[in-house]
Amino acid sequence: MKLDRGFYSRDTRTVARELLGKILVHDVDGMLFKGKIVETEAYLGIDDKAAHSYGGRRTKRVESMYARPGTAYVYIIYGMYNCL
């Protein structure tokens, strides 16, 4: 089942909980890549000191955090892993 944007337009903590167990699917030229979500984190925006957007910080890196709900934020951690 594909999640619509309305799924993401809710309380951050609720969305994080309900994403657990969902399957991400990416189609590349007819080849499907799938992965199960086994861990989530819920950051609460500009007031959350742990969030990359804390204090209203806006850079090219975090701009997707200010986009409409359901927009992916992907960043590199430890210089080698992509986090979604």
Protein backbone atom coordinates (compact mmCIF):
# COMPACT_ATOMS: atom_id res chain seq x y z
CA MET A 1 0.00 0.00 0.00
CA LYS A 2 1.42 3.36 -1.03
CA LEU A 3 1.16 6.01 1.68
CA ASP A 4 -0.31 9.32 0.60
CA ARG A 5 0.90 12.70 1.83
CA GLY A 6 -1.93 12.79 4.36
CA PHE A 7 -0.18 9.98 6.26
CA TYR A 8 2.75 12.32 6.90
CA SER A 9 0.62 15.38 7.72
CA ARG A 10 0.12 14.25 11.32
CA ASP A 11 1.97 14.41 14.62
CA THR A 12 5.64 13.54 14.06
CA ARG A 13 5.73 10.98 16.87
CA THR A 14 2.64 9.20 15.53
CA VAL A 15 4.08 9.02 12.01
CA ALA A 16 7.41 7.69 13.33
CA ARG A 17 5.63 4.92 15.26
CA GLU A 18 3.40 3.95 12.35
CA LEU A 19 6.30 3.80 9.87
CA LEU A 20 7.78 0.88 11.79
CA GLY A 21 7.40 -2.31 9.79
CA LYS A 22 6.53 -0.52 6.54
CA ILE A 23 8.40 -1.55 3.38
CA LEU A 24 10.23 1.03 1.25
CA VAL A 25 10.13 0.15 -2.45
CA HIS A 26 12.24 1.77 -5.17
CA ASP A 27 11.87 0.83 -8.83
CA VAL A 28 14.96 1.23 -11.01
CA ASP A 29 14.27 0.25 -14.61
CA GLY A 30 11.88 -2.49 -13.55
CA MET A 31 14.13 -3.87 -10.81
CA LEU A 32 12.53 -3.48 -7.38
CA PHE A 33 14.63 -2.72 -4.33
CA LYS A 34 12.87 -3.19 -0.98
CA GLY A 35 13.77 -2.53 2.63
CA LYS A 36 11.83 -2.82 5.87
CA ILE A 37 11.78 0.13 8.28
CA VAL A 38 13.00 -1.21 11.63
CA GLU A 39 13.94 2.01 13.40
CA THR A 40 12.65 5.57 13.34
CA GLU A 41 13.42 8.81 15.13
CA ALA A 42 11.05 11.73 15.63
CA TYR A 43 12.52 15.22 15.58
CA LEU A 44 10.17 18.07 16.37
CA GLY A 45 11.48 20.84 14.14
CA ILE A 46 12.98 24.18 15.02
CA ASP A 47 12.37 23.82 18.77
CA ASP A 48 14.08 20.41 19.02
CA LYS A 49 17.77 20.84 19.90
CA ALA A 50 18.56 17.45 18.35
CA ALA A 51 17.04 18.38 14.96
CA HIS A 52 19.17 19.61 12.08
CA SER A 53 16.59 22.39 11.66
CA TYR A 54 16.90 23.57 15.29
CA GLY A 55 16.50 27.29 15.70
CA GLY A 56 15.14 27.69 12.18
CA ARG A 57 18.47 26.74 10.60
CA ARG A 58 18.05 26.70 6.81
CA THR A 59 20.83 25.42 4.61
CA LYS A 60 20.85 23.53 1.32
CA ARG A 61 21.32 20.34 3.34
CA VAL A 62 18.17 20.75 5.46
CA GLU A 63 15.92 22.56 2.98
CA SER A 64 13.82 19.43 2.39
CA MET A 65 12.81 19.57 6.07
CA TYR A 66 10.85 22.71 5.22
CA ALA A 67 9.10 21.14 2.23
CA ARG A 68 5.62 19.63 2.29
CA PRO A 69 5.01 16.56 4.47
CA GLY A 70 6.23 13.32 2.93
CA THR A 71 9.36 14.84 1.40
CA ALA A 72 12.42 12.69 2.06
CA TYR A 73 15.39 14.08 3.99
CA VAL A 74 18.52 12.08 3.22
CA TYR A 75 21.88 12.94 4.74
CA ILE A 76 25.28 11.32 5.23
CA ILE A 77 26.32 10.25 8.71
CA TYR A 78 29.86 9.31 9.81
CA GLY A 79 30.98 10.27 6.30
CA MET A 80 29.80 6.95 4.86
CA TYR A 81 26.15 6.06 5.58
CA ASN A 82 23.04 7.55 4.02
CA CYS A 83 20.23 8.18 6.48
CA LEU A 84 16.67 8.65 5.31
